[in-house]
């Protein structure tokens, strides 16, 4: 385990790490991931914010840096190299905390309620209080905070949380900060609906990936 604090990771590096954590739980039969599968996960149009378009070369460079930090390990699987995360061991975190970090890396700042919904397939939290307890542990970690509670936006009822693996989060845009109270009051409900739709779309995408892999293996 590193004795020095981790350097700030790039957006793509956090996306790679988040995808590895996610796919370990959602498609265990395909994990560790090949570079091609990892790039597909990084470039998903659903369950991702922001949406990115990374190349294999860019993803490989991100993997190489994460490997140098021991956050990713490489293994030989058949004819191609495969990659797995080592975040829990390196950062000294339990599974629920890793799940929350991964969800923040994949989807950006979220409220505790949104995190509970969006991390459901990685870890089933009993209630929002459990999510908040793990967030507080991550925020007050003796080795250095890994998440931070963002200032409450005007007109909103809940605060959002962001990960700190890429440094301090940027301030929200002025238009977002001055959202009308009537609109902000329904953000939680809208986010919950979007999360459910995103989860279903992600499951369909993963089923398609699994089906395509089976077809290739059978030579159909």
C-alpha atoms as a PDB file:
ATOM      1  CA  UNK A   1       0.000   0.000   0.000  1.00  0.00           C
ATOM      2  CA  UNK A   2       1.423   3.413  -0.929  1.00  0.00           C
ATOM      3  CA  UNK A   3       2.698   5.496   1.962  1.00  0.00           C
ATOM      4  CA  UNK A   4       2.400   8.778   0.036  1.00  0.00           C
ATOM      5  CA  UNK A   5      -0.881  10.334  -1.106  1.00  0.00           C
ATOM      6  CA  UNK A   6      -1.993   9.375  -4.589  1.00  0.00           C
ATOM      7  CA  UNK A   7      -1.439  11.975  -7.303  1.00  0.00           C
ATOM      8  CA  UNK A   8      -4.555  13.513  -8.843  1.00  0.00           C
ATOM      9  CA  UNK A   9      -6.043  11.203 -11.463  1.00  0.00           C
ATOM     10  CA  UNK A  10      -7.374  12.343 -14.828  1.00  0.00           C
ATOM     11  CA  UNK A  11     -11.019  11.993 -15.832  1.00  0.00           C
ATOM     12  CA  UNK A  12     -10.179   8.992 -18.005  1.00  0.00           C
ATOM     13  CA  UNK A  13      -8.158   7.343 -15.243  1.00  0.00           C
ATOM     14  CA  UNK A  14     -11.060   7.639 -12.799  1.00  0.00           C
ATOM     15  CA  UNK A  15     -13.427   6.398 -15.519  1.00  0.00           C
ATOM     16  CA  UNK A  16     -11.208   3.339 -16.117  1.00  0.00           C
ATOM     17  CA  UNK A  17     -11.058   2.597 -12.397  1.00  0.00           C
ATOM     18  CA  UNK A  18     -14.813   3.058 -11.993  1.00  0.00           C
ATOM     19  CA  UNK A  19     -15.569   0.771 -14.940  1.00  0.00           C
ATOM     20  CA  UNK A  20     -13.354  -1.984 -13.539  1.00  0.00           C
ATOM     21  CA  UNK A  21     -15.168  -1.816 -10.195  1.00  0.00           C
ATOM     22  CA  UNK A  22     -18.573  -1.756 -11.889  1.00  0.00           C
ATOM     23  CA  UNK A  23     -17.956  -4.640 -14.283  1.00  0.00           C
ATOM     24  CA  UNK A  24     -16.496  -6.814 -11.516  1.00  0.00           C
ATOM     25  CA  UNK A  25     -20.005  -6.877 -10.056  1.00  0.00           C
ATOM     26  CA  UNK A  26     -22.227  -6.600 -13.121  1.00  0.00           C
ATOM     27  CA  UNK A  27     -20.454  -8.951 -15.576  1.00  0.00           C
ATOM     28  CA  UNK A  28     -18.303 -11.207 -13.363  1.00  0.00           C
ATOM     29  CA  UNK A  29     -17.976 -13.839 -16.116  1.00  0.00           C
ATOM     30  CA  UNK A  30     -16.106 -11.308 -18.288  1.00  0.00           C
ATOM     31  CA  UNK A  31     -13.926  -9.959 -15.467  1.00  0.00           C
ATOM     32  CA  UNK A  32     -10.997  -9.133 -15.468  1.00  0.00           C
ATOM     33  CA  UNK A  33     -11.657  -7.030 -18.559  1.00  0.00           C
ATOM     34  CA  UNK A  34      -9.865  -6.942 -21.886  1.00  0.00           C
ATOM     35  CA  UNK A  35      -8.766  -3.559 -23.215  1.00  0.00           C
ATOM     36  CA  UNK A  36     -11.564  -3.641 -25.782  1.00  0.00           C
ATOM     37  CA  UNK A  37     -14.230  -4.336 -23.147  1.00  0.00           C
ATOM     38  CA  UNK A  38     -12.786  -1.634 -20.921  1.00  0.00           C
ATOM     39  CA  UNK A  39     -12.923   0.973 -23.693  1.00  0.00           C
ATOM     40  CA  UNK A  40     -16.559   0.030 -24.383  1.00  0.00           C
ATOM     41  CA  UNK A  41     -17.362   0.489 -20.701  1.00  0.00           C
ATOM     42  CA  UNK A  42     -15.633   3.872 -20.593  1.00  0.00           C
ATOM     43  CA  UNK A  43     -17.507   5.094 -23.667  1.00  0.00           C
ATOM     44  CA  UNK A  44     -20.986   3.929 -22.610  1.00  0.00           C
ATOM     45  CA  UNK A  45     -23.679   6.480 -23.366  1.00  0.00           C
ATOM     46  CA  UNK A  46     -25.768   5.419 -20.339  1.00  0.00           C
ATOM     47  CA  UNK A  47     -24.904   5.551 -16.637  1.00  0.00           C
ATOM     48  CA  UNK A  48     -21.991   7.895 -17.369  1.00  0.00           C
ATOM     49  CA  UNK A  49     -21.401  11.593 -16.719  1.00  0.00           C
ATOM     50  CA  UNK A  50     -19.792  13.107 -18.572  1.00  0.00           C
ATOM     51  CA  UNK A  51     -20.033  10.899 -21.672  1.00  0.00           C
ATOM     52  CA  UNK A  52     -16.580  10.504 -23.221  1.00  0.00           C
ATOM     53  CA  UNK A  53     -15.068   8.961 -26.344  1.00  0.00           C
ATOM     54  CA  UNK A  54     -11.718   7.413 -25.380  1.00  0.00           C
ATOM     55  CA  UNK A  55      -9.487   5.537 -27.819  1.00  0.00           C
ATOM     56  CA  UNK A  56      -7.722   2.258 -27.052  1.00  0.00           C
ATOM     57  CA  UNK A  57      -4.390   4.098 -26.946  1.00  0.00           C
ATOM     58  CA  UNK A  58      -5.732   6.613 -24.422  1.00  0.00           C
ATOM     59  CA  UNK A  59      -7.243   3.859 -22.273  1.00  0.00           C
ATOM     60  CA  UNK A  60      -3.973   1.924 -22.379  1.00  0.00           C
ATOM     61  CA  UNK A  61      -2.052   4.990 -21.219  1.00  0.00           C
ATOM     62  CA  UNK A  62      -4.517   5.421 -18.357  1.00  0.00           C
ATOM     63  CA  UNK A  63      -4.116   1.755 -17.436  1.00  0.00           C
ATOM     64  CA  UNK A  64      -0.329   2.057 -17.443  1.00  0.00           C
ATOM     65  CA  UNK A  65      -0.468   4.990 -15.011  1.00  0.00           C
ATOM     66  CA  UNK A  66      -2.955   3.202 -12.753  1.00  0.00           C
ATOM     67  CA  UNK A  67      -0.726   0.118 -12.794  1.00  0.00           C
ATOM     68  CA  UNK A  68       2.212   2.247 -11.661  1.00  0.00           C
ATOM     69  CA  UNK A  69       0.096   3.257  -8.647  1.00  0.00           C
ATOM     70  CA  UNK A  70      -0.927  -0.386  -8.017  1.00  0.00           C
ATOM     71  CA  UNK A  71      -4.582   0.595  -8.515  1.00  0.00           C
ATOM     72  CA  UNK A  72      -4.813  -1.787 -11.489  1.00  0.00           C
ATOM     73  CA  UNK A  73      -3.271  -5.219 -11.952  1.00  0.00           C
ATOM     74  CA  UNK A  74      -2.652  -6.957 -15.262  1.00  0.00           C
ATOM     75  CA  UNK A  75      -3.060 -10.646 -15.956  1.00  0.00           C
ATOM     76  CA  UNK A  76      -2.772 -12.909 -18.970  1.00  0.00           C
ATOM     77  CA  UNK A  77      -6.122 -14.386 -20.009  1.00  0.00           C
ATOM     78  CA  UNK A  78      -5.923 -16.527 -23.113  1.00  0.00           C
ATOM     79  CA  UNK A  79      -4.550 -14.554 -26.061  1.00  0.00           C
ATOM     80  CA  UNK A  80      -5.109 -11.076 -24.592  1.00  0.00           C
ATOM     81  CA  UNK A  81      -4.171  -9.184 -21.457  1.00  0.00           C
ATOM     82  CA  UNK A  82      -6.871  -8.568 -18.881  1.00  0.00           C
ATOM     83  CA  UNK A  83      -7.155  -5.910 -16.219  1.00  0.00           C
ATOM     84  CA  UNK A  84      -8.612  -5.779 -12.704  1.00  0.00           C
ATOM     85  CA  UNK A  85      -8.794  -3.039 -10.099  1.00  0.00           C
ATOM     86  CA  UNK A  86      -6.975  -3.116  -6.774  1.00  0.00           C
ATOM     87  CA  UNK A  87      -8.635  -0.036  -5.296  1.00  0.00           C
ATOM     88  CA  UNK A  88      -9.896  -1.561  -2.074  1.00  0.00           C
ATOM     89  CA  UNK A  89      -6.517  -2.917  -1.035  1.00  0.00           C
ATOM     90  CA  UNK A  90      -4.465   0.110  -2.111  1.00  0.00           C
ATOM     91  CA  UNK A  91      -6.783   2.660  -0.515  1.00  0.00           C
ATOM     92  CA  UNK A  92      -7.598   0.475   2.481  1.00  0.00           C
ATOM     93  CA  UNK A  93     -11.348   0.625   1.889  1.00  0.00           C
ATOM     94  CA  UNK A  94     -14.209  -1.835   2.437  1.00  0.00           C
ATOM     95  CA  UNK A  95     -16.429  -2.909  -0.449  1.00  0.00           C
ATOM     96  CA  UNK A  96     -19.264  -0.423   0.234  1.00  0.00           C
ATOM     97  CA  UNK A  97     -16.843   2.520   0.150  1.00  0.00           C
ATOM     98  CA  UNK A  98     -15.304   1.296  -3.108  1.00  0.00           C
ATOM     99  CA  UNK A  99     -18.814   1.016  -4.576  1.00  0.00           C
ATOM    100  CA  UNK A 100     -19.611   4.631  -3.656  1.00  0.00           C
ATOM    101  CA  UNK A 101     -16.316   5.916  -5.042  1.00  0.00           C
ATOM    102  CA  UNK A 102     -16.845   4.026  -8.303  1.00  0.00           C
ATOM    103  CA  UNK A 103     -20.364   5.429  -8.661  1.00  0.00           C
ATOM    104  CA  UNK A 104     -19.068   8.963  -8.151  1.00  0.00           C
ATOM    105  CA  UNK A 105     -16.292   8.369 -10.689  1.00  0.00           C
ATOM    106  CA  UNK A 106     -18.771   7.066 -13.265  1.00  0.00           C
ATOM    107  CA  UNK A 107     -21.635   9.539 -12.766  1.00  0.00           C
ATOM    108  CA  UNK A 108     -20.204  12.679 -11.166  1.00  0.00           C
ATOM    109  CA  UNK A 109     -21.521  14.462  -8.026  1.00  0.00           C
ATOM    110  CA  UNK A 110     -24.673  12.949  -6.511  1.00  0.00           C
ATOM    111  CA  UNK A 111     -26.820  13.147  -3.402  1.00  0.00           C
ATOM    112  CA  UNK A 112     -26.789  10.319  -0.871  1.00  0.00           C
ATOM    113  CA  UNK A 113     -30.175   9.192  -2.188  1.00  0.00           C
ATOM    114  CA  UNK A 114     -28.956   9.120  -5.773  1.00  0.00           C
ATOM    115  CA  UNK A 115     -25.847   7.223  -4.714  1.00  0.00           C
ATOM    116  CA  UNK A 116     -27.931   4.585  -2.984  1.00  0.00           C
ATOM    117  CA  UNK A 117     -29.929   4.004  -6.191  1.00  0.00           C
ATOM    118  CA  UNK A 118     -27.024   4.237  -8.618  1.00  0.00           C
ATOM    119  CA  UNK A 119     -24.708   1.939  -6.650  1.00  0.00           C
ATOM    120  CA  UNK A 120     -27.401  -0.701  -6.131  1.00  0.00           C
ATOM    121  CA  UNK A 121     -25.760  -3.319  -8.346  1.00  0.00           C
ATOM    122  CA  UNK A 122     -22.356  -2.785  -6.724  1.00  0.00           C
ATOM    123  CA  UNK A 123     -23.552  -2.839  -3.124  1.00  0.00           C
ATOM    124  CA  UNK A 124     -27.057  -2.909  -1.649  1.00  0.00           C
ATOM    125  CA  UNK A 125     -27.186  -0.266   1.075  1.00  0.00           C
ATOM    126  CA  UNK A 126     -29.985  -0.796   3.589  1.00  0.00           C
ATOM    127  CA  UNK A 127     -30.955   2.883   3.659  1.00  0.00           C
ATOM    128  CA  UNK A 128     -29.685   6.408   3.000  1.00  0.00           C
ATOM    129  CA  UNK A 129     -28.263   6.593   6.526  1.00  0.00           C
ATOM    130  CA  UNK A 130     -25.895   3.747   5.668  1.00  0.00           C
ATOM    131  CA  UNK A 131     -24.737   5.606   2.554  1.00  0.00           C
ATOM    132  CA  UNK A 132     -24.181   8.778   4.584  1.00  0.00           C
ATOM    133  CA  UNK A 133     -22.178   6.871   7.195  1.00  0.00           C
ATOM    134  CA  UNK A 134     -19.768   5.502   4.586  1.00  0.00           C
ATOM    135  CA  UNK A 135     -19.517   8.929   2.936  1.00  0.00           C
ATOM    136  CA  UNK A 136     -18.579  10.490   6.278  1.00  0.00           C
ATOM    137  CA  UNK A 137     -15.874   7.846   6.749  1.00  0.00           C
ATOM    138  CA  UNK A 138     -14.495   8.607   3.294  1.00  0.00           C
ATOM    139  CA  UNK A 139     -14.583  12.351   4.018  1.00  0.00           C
ATOM    140  CA  UNK A 140     -12.779  12.044   7.387  1.00  0.00           C
ATOM    141  CA  UNK A 141     -10.311   9.326   6.387  1.00  0.00           C
ATOM    142  CA  UNK A 142      -7.051   9.741   8.393  1.00  0.00           C
ATOM    143  CA  UNK A 143      -4.925   9.053   5.298  1.00  0.00           C
ATOM    144  CA  UNK A 144      -6.720  11.832   3.419  1.00  0.00           C
ATOM    145  CA  UNK A 145     -10.299  12.561   2.384  1.00  0.00           C
ATOM    146  CA  UNK A 146     -11.525  10.785  -0.751  1.00  0.00           C
ATOM    147  CA  UNK A 147     -14.910  12.520  -0.989  1.00  0.00           C
ATOM    148  CA  UNK A 148     -16.269  15.955  -0.123  1.00  0.00           C
ATOM    149  CA  UNK A 149     -19.753  17.309   0.509  1.00  0.00           C
ATOM    150  CA  UNK A 150     -20.451  20.118  -1.944  1.00  0.00           C
ATOM    151  CA  UNK A 151     -22.139  23.411  -0.974  1.00  0.00           C
ATOM    152  CA  UNK A 152     -25.915  23.196  -1.221  1.00  0.00           C
ATOM    153  CA  UNK A 153     -27.223  24.687  -4.455  1.00  0.00           C
ATOM    154  CA  UNK A 154     -29.779  27.474  -4.234  1.00  0.00           C
ATOM    155  CA  UNK A 155     -33.289  26.082  -3.922  1.00  0.00           C
ATOM    156  CA  UNK A 156     -32.237  22.474  -3.343  1.00  0.00           C
ATOM    157  CA  UNK A 157     -33.043  20.339  -0.316  1.00  0.00           C
ATOM    158  CA  UNK A 158     -30.098  17.949  -0.437  1.00  0.00           C
ATOM    159  CA  UNK A 159     -26.359  18.357  -0.791  1.00  0.00           C
ATOM    160  CA  UNK A 160     -24.301  16.424  -3.306  1.00  0.00           C
ATOM    161  CA  UNK A 161     -21.052  14.545  -2.818  1.00  0.00           C
ATOM    162  CA  UNK A 162     -18.047  14.353  -5.136  1.00  0.00           C
ATOM    163  CA  UNK A 163     -14.902  12.216  -5.160  1.00  0.00           C
ATOM    164  CA  UNK A 164     -11.500  13.845  -4.656  1.00  0.00           C
ATOM    165  CA  UNK A 165      -9.339  11.441  -6.662  1.00  0.00           C
ATOM    166  CA  UNK A 166      -9.004  14.139  -9.341  1.00  0.00           C
ATOM    167  CA  UNK A 167      -8.487  16.940  -6.846  1.00  0.00           C
ATOM    168  CA  UNK A 168     -11.019  19.452  -5.557  1.00  0.00           C
ATOM    169  CA  UNK A 169     -14.250  19.454  -7.595  1.00  0.00           C
ATOM    170  CA  UNK A 170     -15.034  22.478  -9.746  1.00  0.00           C
ATOM    171  CA  UNK A 171     -17.615  24.979  -8.573  1.00  0.00           C
ATOM    172  CA  UNK A 172     -21.093  24.482 -10.123  1.00  0.00           C
ATOM    173  CA  UNK A 173     -21.996  26.664 -13.085  1.00  0.00           C
ATOM    174  CA  UNK A 174     -23.882  29.862 -12.302  1.00  0.00           C
ATOM    175  CA  UNK A 175     -26.949  28.671 -14.201  1.00  0.00           C
ATOM    176  CA  UNK A 176     -27.032  25.503 -12.125  1.00  0.00           C
ATOM    177  CA  UNK A 177     -26.486  27.361  -8.863  1.00  0.00           C
ATOM    178  CA  UNK A 178     -29.413  29.706  -9.518  1.00  0.00           C
ATOM    179  CA  UNK A 179     -31.919  27.052 -10.557  1.00  0.00           C
ATOM    180  CA  UNK A 180     -35.514  27.954  -9.716  1.00  0.00           C
ATOM    181  CA  UNK A 181     -36.685  26.473  -6.389  1.00  0.00           C
ATOM    182  CA  UNK A 182     -39.764  24.917  -7.977  1.00  0.00           C
ATOM    183  CA  UNK A 183     -37.595  23.089 -10.469  1.00  0.00           C
ATOM    184  CA  UNK A 184     -34.953  22.129  -7.900  1.00  0.00           C
ATOM    185  CA  UNK A 185     -37.554  20.636  -5.591  1.00  0.00           C
ATOM    186  CA  UNK A 186     -38.224  17.864  -8.104  1.00  0.00           C
ATOM    187  CA  UNK A 187     -34.597  17.084  -8.916  1.00  0.00           C
ATOM    188  CA  UNK A 188     -34.477  14.109  -6.564  1.00  0.00           C
ATOM    189  CA  UNK A 189     -37.512  12.512  -8.179  1.00  0.00           C
ATOM    190  CA  UNK A 190     -36.180  13.145 -11.680  1.00  0.00           C
ATOM    191  CA  UNK A 191     -32.777  11.754 -10.729  1.00  0.00           C
ATOM    192  CA  UNK A 192     -34.373   8.608  -9.331  1.00  0.00           C
ATOM    193  CA  UNK A 193     -36.317   8.031 -12.558  1.00  0.00           C
ATOM    194  CA  UNK A 194     -33.221   8.668 -14.675  1.00  0.00           C
ATOM    195  CA  UNK A 195     -31.231   6.288 -12.490  1.00  0.00           C
ATOM    196  CA  UNK A 196     -33.783   3.511 -12.994  1.00  0.00           C
ATOM    197  CA  UNK A 197     -33.834   4.068 -16.760  1.00  0.00           C
ATOM    198  CA  UNK A 198     -30.040   4.202 -16.853  1.00  0.00           C
ATOM    199  CA  UNK A 199     -29.786   0.985 -14.856  1.00  0.00           C
ATOM    200  CA  UNK A 200     -32.130  -0.821 -17.244  1.00  0.00           C
ATOM    201  CA  UNK A 201     -30.292   0.496 -20.300  1.00  0.00           C
ATOM    202  CA  UNK A 202     -26.964  -0.571 -18.822  1.00  0.00           C
ATOM    203  CA  UNK A 203     -28.317  -4.062 -18.141  1.00  0.00           C
ATOM    204  CA  UNK A 204     -29.507  -4.337 -21.744  1.00  0.00           C
ATOM    205  CA  UNK A 205     -26.085  -3.199 -23.001  1.00  0.00           C
ATOM    206  CA  UNK A 206     -24.337  -5.770 -20.820  1.00  0.00           C
ATOM    207  CA  UNK A 207     -26.664  -8.530 -21.988  1.00  0.00           C
ATOM    208  CA  UNK A 208     -25.855  -7.601 -25.577  1.00  0.00           C
ATOM    209  CA  UNK A 209     -22.138  -7.742 -24.792  1.00  0.00           C
ATOM    210  CA  UNK A 210     -22.537 -11.163 -23.190  1.00  0.00           C
ATOM    211  CA  UNK A 211     -24.602 -12.446 -26.123  1.00  0.00           C
ATOM    212  CA  UNK A 212     -22.031 -11.156 -28.612  1.00  0.00           C
ATOM    213  CA  UNK A 213     -19.245 -12.876 -26.678  1.00  0.00           C
ATOM    214  CA  UNK A 214     -21.154 -16.170 -26.624  1.00  0.00           C
ATOM    215  CA  UNK A 215     -21.821 -15.912 -30.364  1.00  0.00           C
ATOM    216  CA  UNK A 216     -18.115 -15.298 -31.024  1.00  0.00           C
ATOM    217  CA  UNK A 217     -17.080 -18.233 -28.835  1.00  0.00           C
ATOM    218  CA  UNK A 218     -19.525 -20.538 -30.606  1.00  0.00           C
ATOM    219  CA  UNK A 219     -18.400 -19.291 -34.003  1.00  0.00           C
ATOM    220  CA  UNK A 220     -21.933 -18.428 -35.101  1.00  0.00           C
END
